[in-house]
Amino acid sequence: MASTLTHTLSFSQTKHSFRYPNTINLPSFNINHNNHRLSFNFKLSASSSSSFQALIFDCDGVILESEHLHRQAYNDAFLHFNVRSPSSSSQPLNWDIQFYDQLQNQIGGGKPKMRWYFKEHGWPSSTLFDIPPANDEERAKLIDTLQDWKTERYKDIIKSGSVKPRPGVLRLMDEAKDAGKLLAVCSAATKSSVILCLENLIGIERFQSLDCFLAGDDVKEKKPDPSIYLTASKKLGVSEKNCLVVEDSVIGLQAATKAGMSCLVTYTSSTADQDFKEAVAIYPDLSNISLKDLELLFQDIVAAK
């Protein structure tokens, strides 16, 4: 996609934006001199560093408030497989709201969450293993099985039709597409569950029109590692500096900023108290935010650098 520069002029306190292509081709011409034909073709190039070209959304917490649904699905999986850790051996493991809020704000991705928990609190017994798994192969099987079952349970919750997108998300996606912006979704969650969420919440047509879609399966390292956003930048064919990310947590914010991208935050009830000092803007949701607001925000970011 050709990068552009935005130049803003003010007339009677009304702003008018003009977009210029990255490369301007001037008319070419020929000169005959001493029987030699000389050709001239001029191009004027402009820097693309200040161009807002791509809008990238996280999924969980941004497109939908989902953490309580994930927690429910994990607890249902623990109950189904009778997962009993040494710290809760009298009954199946159950992550309460307060603990899960802390966990999901510290560790991205389902498998890393469980692996961290079992390392800290002891590997559990279950219907899969009568005694706690003692080697890496058994532990990987336990986590893979729990995650697969949890994912299917989460899908059932999404398909129930009770889950709705967060305010303003669909409108902003449509505005971005209509304005010719590149549009992407980057989620640390399992690809199959993210696809189901997007098809049900933003609709199949919007999902298929995305210029880039990446899930946790597509990268080796989860957020806050920047891999998923660096990969998105390459797939979109734009510089990280030309991307604006929408995240809901400090983990996602760190991933975006480490990738060299500007990031705004739409917090949820479980992330509202986090430190978002690296965010370029912080909103409770996107209900009152338009693409024009984001374009002006991006101009301010560039001007401040």
Protein backbone atom coordinates (compact mmCIF):
# COMPACT_ATOMS: atom_id res chain seq x y z
CA MET A 1 0.00 0.00 0.00
CA ALA A 2 1.45 3.38 -0.96
CA SER A 3 2.41 5.36 2.09
CA THR A 4 1.14 8.92 2.40
CA LEU A 5 1.75 12.17 4.14
CA THR A 6 -1.04 14.18 5.71
CA HIS A 7 -0.84 17.96 5.58
CA THR A 8 -3.39 19.94 7.56
CA LEU A 9 -4.39 23.51 6.80
CA SER A 10 -6.71 25.57 8.99
CA PHE A 11 -9.30 27.91 7.53
CA SER A 12 -11.58 29.71 10.00
CA GLN A 13 -10.79 27.10 12.63
CA THR A 14 -11.88 24.27 10.31
CA LYS A 15 -9.27 21.64 9.56
CA HIS A 16 -8.92 20.27 6.05
CA SER A 17 -6.70 17.26 5.41
CA PHE A 18 -4.96 16.57 2.11
CA ARG A 19 -3.22 13.26 1.39
CA TYR A 20 -0.18 13.10 -0.84
CA PRO A 21 1.27 9.93 -2.37
CA ASN A 22 4.67 8.79 -1.19
CA THR A 23 6.17 9.18 -4.67
CA ILE A 24 5.11 11.88 -7.13
CA ASN A 25 6.02 11.24 -10.77
CA LEU A 26 6.68 14.36 -12.80
CA PRO A 27 6.37 14.33 -16.63
CA SER A 28 9.39 12.84 -18.37
CA PHE A 29 10.97 14.46 -21.42
CA ASN A 30 13.79 13.94 -23.91
CA ILE A 31 16.53 16.28 -25.18
CA ASN A 32 18.61 15.71 -28.28
CA HIS A 33 22.15 17.03 -27.83
CA ASN A 34 25.03 16.33 -30.26
CA ASN A 35 23.12 13.39 -31.72
CA HIS A 36 22.66 11.90 -28.24
CA ARG A 37 19.19 11.47 -26.84
CA LEU A 38 19.02 12.28 -23.16
CA SER A 39 15.98 11.16 -21.11
CA PHE A 40 14.87 12.82 -17.90
CA ASN A 41 12.38 11.30 -15.47
CA PHE A 42 11.93 13.06 -12.12
CA LYS A 43 10.39 11.67 -8.95
CA LEU A 44 9.75 13.44 -5.69
CA SER A 45 9.73 11.16 -2.66
CA ALA A 46 8.25 11.97 0.70
CA SER A 47 8.94 10.35 4.02
CA SER A 48 6.31 7.84 5.13
CA SER A 49 7.20 7.96 8.81
CA SER A 50 4.14 10.03 9.74
CA SER A 51 1.51 8.08 7.83
CA PHE A 52 -1.26 6.25 9.71
CA GLN A 53 -1.79 3.23 7.45
CA ALA A 54 -2.89 0.27 9.60
CA LEU A 55 -5.28 -0.22 12.51
CA ILE A 56 -4.69 -3.41 14.52
CA PHE A 57 -7.09 -4.81 17.13
CA ASP A 58 -6.48 -7.30 19.89
CA CYS A 59 -9.46 -9.65 20.28
CA ASP A 60 -10.12 -10.68 23.89
CA GLY A 61 -10.90 -7.61 25.97
CA VAL A 62 -10.96 -5.30 22.94
CA ILE A 63 -13.47 -6.72 20.48
CA LEU A 64 -15.33 -8.49 23.27
CA GLU A 65 -15.20 -8.64 27.07
CA SER A 66 -14.16 -12.26 27.32
CA GLU A 67 -11.96 -12.92 30.32
CA HIS A 68 -14.84 -14.10 32.52
CA LEU A 69 -15.84 -16.47 29.71
CA HIS A 70 -12.30 -17.87 29.50
CA ARG A 71 -12.23 -18.33 33.27
CA GLN A 72 -15.53 -20.22 33.13
CA ALA A 73 -14.17 -22.48 30.36
CA TYR A 74 -10.95 -23.22 32.29
CA ASN A 75 -12.88 -24.10 35.45
CA ASP A 76 -15.23 -26.32 33.45
CA ALA A 77 -12.18 -28.13 32.03
CA PHE A 78 -10.68 -28.60 35.50
CA LEU A 79 -13.99 -30.03 36.70
CA HIS A 80 -14.42 -32.29 33.68
CA PHE A 81 -10.97 -33.86 34.11
CA ASN A 82 -11.11 -33.71 37.94
CA VAL A 83 -7.90 -31.68 38.05
CA ARG A 84 -6.68 -31.53 41.65
CA SER A 85 -3.53 -29.63 42.51
CA PRO A 86 -1.69 -30.17 45.81
CA SER A 87 -3.04 -26.84 47.09
CA SER A 88 -6.67 -27.82 46.38
CA SER A 89 -6.65 -31.63 46.53
CA SER A 90 -10.02 -31.85 48.29
CA GLN A 91 -11.88 -30.55 45.23
CA PRO A 92 -11.25 -29.80 41.54
CA LEU A 93 -9.15 -26.73 40.79
CA ASN A 94 -11.17 -23.51 40.46
CA TRP A 95 -9.69 -20.14 39.56
CA ASP A 96 -11.65 -17.37 41.29
CA ILE A 97 -12.24 -13.94 39.75
CA GLN A 98 -9.56 -12.10 41.70
CA PHE A 99 -6.86 -14.68 41.00
CA TYR A 100 -7.72 -15.01 37.31
CA ASP A 101 -7.66 -11.24 36.82
CA GLN A 102 -4.11 -11.21 38.16
CA LEU A 103 -3.08 -14.28 36.16
CA GLN A 104 -4.42 -13.15 32.80
CA ASN A 105 -2.85 -9.72 33.24
CA GLN A 106 0.58 -11.26 33.83
CA ILE A 107 0.73 -14.19 31.42
CA GLY A 108 -0.61 -14.30 27.87
CA GLY A 109 -1.94 -17.48 26.27
CA GLY A 110 -3.78 -20.43 27.80
CA LYS A 111 -1.03 -23.03 27.83
CA PRO A 112 1.55 -20.68 29.39
CA LYS A 113 -1.02 -19.79 32.10
CA MET A 114 -1.54 -23.41 33.09
CA ARG A 115 2.13 -24.32 32.84
CA TRP A 116 3.07 -21.41 35.11
CA TYR A 117 0.34 -22.27 37.61
CA PHE A 118 1.29 -25.94 37.86
CA LYS A 119 4.98 -25.10 38.23
CA GLU A 120 4.16 -22.70 41.07
CA HIS A 121 1.49 -24.77 42.85
CA GLY A 122 2.45 -28.32 41.95
CA TRP A 123 1.46 -30.57 39.05
CA PRO A 124 -2.01 -32.01 39.55
CA SER A 125 -3.62 -35.42 39.47
CA SER A 126 -6.54 -35.89 37.06
CA THR A 127 -8.55 -38.45 35.16
CA LEU A 128 -5.72 -38.33 32.61
CA PHE A 129 -3.03 -39.20 35.16
CA ASP A 130 -3.84 -40.82 38.52
CA ILE A 131 -0.63 -39.38 39.89
CA PRO A 132 0.83 -36.02 38.90
CA PRO A 133 2.76 -36.18 35.60
CA ALA A 134 6.47 -36.46 36.30
CA ASN A 135 8.09 -35.87 32.91
CA ASP A 136 7.88 -33.27 30.16
CA GLU A 137 5.95 -35.53 27.77
CA GLU A 138 3.19 -36.27 30.27
CA ARG A 139 3.00 -32.65 31.37
CA ALA A 140 2.70 -31.48 27.77
CA LYS A 141 -0.09 -34.02 27.18
CA LEU A 142 -1.98 -32.79 30.25
CA ILE A 143 -1.76 -29.14 29.21
CA ASP A 144 -2.59 -29.86 25.55
CA THR A 145 -5.65 -31.92 26.51
CA LEU A 146 -6.94 -29.34 28.98
CA GLN A 147 -6.42 -26.51 26.51
CA ASP A 148 -8.17 -28.37 23.67
CA TRP A 149 -11.19 -29.17 25.86
CA LYS A 150 -11.28 -25.63 27.26
CA THR A 151 -11.19 -24.20 23.73
CA GLU A 152 -14.19 -26.28 22.66
CA ARG A 153 -16.07 -25.24 25.78
CA TYR A 154 -15.28 -21.59 25.07
CA LYS A 155 -16.57 -22.01 21.53
CA ASP A 156 -19.87 -23.37 22.88
CA ILE A 157 -20.24 -20.26 25.06
CA ILE A 158 -19.56 -17.95 22.10
CA LYS A 159 -21.98 -19.84 19.85
CA SER A 160 -24.74 -19.47 22.44
CA GLY A 161 -25.37 -15.95 21.08
CA SER A 162 -25.19 -14.31 24.50
CA VAL A 163 -21.89 -12.51 23.79
CA LYS A 164 -21.83 -9.12 22.04
CA PRO A 165 -18.95 -6.95 20.71
CA ARG A 166 -17.76 -4.02 22.80
CA PRO A 167 -19.24 -0.58 21.99
CA GLY A 168 -17.87 1.21 18.94
CA VAL A 169 -15.71 -1.63 17.61
CA LEU A 170 -17.73 -2.54 14.51
CA ARG A 171 -18.30 1.09 13.53
CA LEU A 172 -14.60 1.91 13.84
CA MET A 173 -13.63 -1.14 11.79
CA ASP A 174 -16.02 -0.05 9.05
CA GLU A 175 -14.75 3.53 9.12
CA ALA A 176 -11.16 2.31 8.80
CA LYS A 177 -11.99 0.07 5.85
CA ASP A 178 -14.01 2.79 4.11
CA ALA A 179 -11.06 5.18 4.49
CA GLY A 180 -8.64 2.69 2.91
CA LYS A 181 -6.78 1.79 6.10
CA LEU A 182 -5.34 -1.68 6.49
CA LEU A 183 -7.21 -3.62 9.15
CA ALA A 184 -5.86 -6.49 11.28
CA VAL A 185 -6.61 -8.58 14.35
CA CYS A 186 -3.78 -10.02 16.48
CA SER A 187 -4.75 -12.27 19.38
CA ALA A 188 -2.71 -14.48 21.71
CA ALA A 189 -5.60 -16.95 21.93
CA THR A 190 -5.96 -20.24 20.05
CA LYS A 191 -6.67 -19.65 16.35
CA SER A 192 -9.82 -21.78 16.17
CA SER A 193 -11.42 -19.95 19.10
CA VAL A 194 -10.47 -16.52 17.73
CA ILE A 195 -11.91 -17.37 14.31
CA LEU A 196 -15.16 -18.45 15.95
CA CYS A 197 -15.28 -15.25 18.01
CA LEU A 198 -14.68 -13.03 15.01
CA GLU A 199 -17.15 -14.81 12.74
CA ASN A 200 -19.85 -14.58 15.41
CA LEU A 201 -19.10 -11.08 16.71
CA ILE A 202 -17.88 -9.01 13.76
CA GLY A 203 -19.51 -11.16 11.08
CA ILE A 204 -18.06 -13.38 8.38
CA GLU A 205 -17.88 -10.57 5.81
CA ARG A 206 -15.80 -8.30 8.07
CA PHE A 207 -13.62 -11.21 9.12
CA GLN A 208 -12.86 -12.20 5.54
CA SER A 209 -12.07 -8.59 4.63
CA LEU A 210 -9.30 -8.33 7.24
CA ASP A 211 -5.92 -7.58 5.68
CA CYS A 212 -4.17 -9.65 8.34
CA PHE A 213 -5.27 -12.07 11.05
CA LEU A 214 -2.84 -13.68 13.50
CA ALA A 215 -3.44 -15.85 16.56
CA GLY A 216 -1.25 -17.38 19.23
CA ASP A 217 -0.65 -20.43 17.03
CA ASP A 218 1.12 -18.26 14.43
CA VAL A 219 4.05 -17.16 16.60
CA LYS A 220 6.43 -18.93 18.96
CA GLU A 221 6.32 -16.34 21.72
CA LYS A 222 3.16 -14.91 23.31
CA LYS A 223 2.50 -11.33 24.34
CA PRO A 224 4.20 -9.32 25.90
CA ASP A 225 6.73 -10.54 23.35
CA PRO A 226 6.34 -8.33 20.25
CA SER A 227 6.53 -11.22 17.74
CA ILE A 228 2.85 -11.17 16.77
CA TYR A 229 2.90 -7.45 15.97
CA LEU A 230 6.21 -7.60 14.13
CA THR A 231 4.79 -10.46 12.05
CA ALA A 232 1.64 -8.45 11.35
CA SER A 233 3.72 -5.50 10.16
CA LYS A 234 5.52 -7.73 7.66
CA LYS A 235 2.30 -9.33 6.42
CA LEU A 236 0.64 -5.95 6.01
CA GLY A 237 3.69 -4.58 4.21
CA VAL A 238 3.93 -1.44 6.33
CA SER A 239 6.41 -0.09 8.83
CA GLU A 240 5.70 -0.56 12.52
CA LYS A 241 5.69 3.24 12.80
CA ASN A 242 2.65 3.38 10.54
CA CYS A 243 0.52 1.10 12.74
CA LEU A 244 -1.88 1.98 15.54
CA VAL A 245 -2.81 -0.84 17.94
CA VAL A 246 -5.88 -1.14 20.18
CA GLU A 247 -5.23 -3.18 23.33
CA ASP A 248 -6.91 -3.65 26.71
CA SER A 249 -4.09 -4.81 29.01
CA VAL A 250 -0.55 -3.91 29.92
CA ILE A 251 0.66 -7.21 28.41
CA GLY A 252 -0.74 -6.24 25.03
CA LEU A 253 0.49 -2.67 25.41
CA GLN A 254 4.02 -3.93 26.06
CA ALA A 255 3.88 -6.20 23.01
CA ALA A 256 2.82 -3.32 20.77
CA THR A 257 5.31 -0.77 22.08
CA LYS A 258 8.19 -3.29 21.97
CA ALA A 259 7.31 -3.75 18.30
CA GLY A 260 7.70 0.00 17.78
CA MET A 261 3.98 0.65 17.34
CA SER A 262 1.77 3.30 18.90
CA CYS A 263 -0.90 1.78 21.12
CA LEU A 264 -4.11 3.05 22.66
CA VAL A 265 -5.94 1.22 25.43
CA THR A 266 -9.63 0.47 25.95
CA TYR A 267 -9.56 -1.01 29.43
CA THR A 268 -11.95 -3.51 30.99
CA SER A 269 -13.07 -4.00 34.59
CA SER A 270 -10.18 -6.42 35.14
CA THR A 271 -7.49 -4.14 33.63
CA ALA A 272 -8.70 -0.69 34.69
CA ASP A 273 -6.13 -0.36 37.49
CA GLN A 274 -3.10 -1.27 35.37
CA ASP A 275 -0.31 1.16 34.54
CA PHE A 276 -0.85 2.33 30.97
CA LYS A 277 1.70 5.14 30.97
CA GLU A 278 3.12 3.94 27.63
CA ALA A 279 -0.27 4.21 25.89
CA VAL A 280 -0.89 7.13 23.53
CA ALA A 281 -4.50 7.30 24.74
CA ILE A 282 -6.73 5.53 27.28
CA TYR A 283 -10.49 5.06 26.84
CA PRO A 284 -13.17 3.09 28.72
CA ASP A 285 -14.43 1.92 25.31
CA LEU A 286 -14.64 3.06 21.68
CA SER A 287 -18.25 4.23 21.69
CA ASN A 288 -17.32 7.91 21.25
CA ILE A 289 -14.11 7.43 19.24
CA SER A 290 -14.12 7.92 15.47
CA LEU A 291 -11.47 7.26 12.85
CA LYS A 292 -11.00 11.03 12.56
CA ASP A 293 -10.15 11.10 16.27
CA LEU A 294 -7.51 8.42 15.68
CA GLU A 295 -6.07 10.28 12.70
CA LEU A 296 -5.71 13.45 14.77
CA LEU A 297 -4.22 11.39 17.61
CA PHE A 298 -1.66 9.93 15.21
CA GLN A 299 -0.76 13.38 13.94
CA ASP A 300 -0.14 14.48 17.54
CA ILE A 301 2.06 11.43 18.14
CA VAL A 302 4.19 12.28 15.10
CA ALA A 303 4.42 15.94 16.04
CA ALA A 304 5.61 15.03 19.53
CA LYS A 305 8.51 12.92 18.24
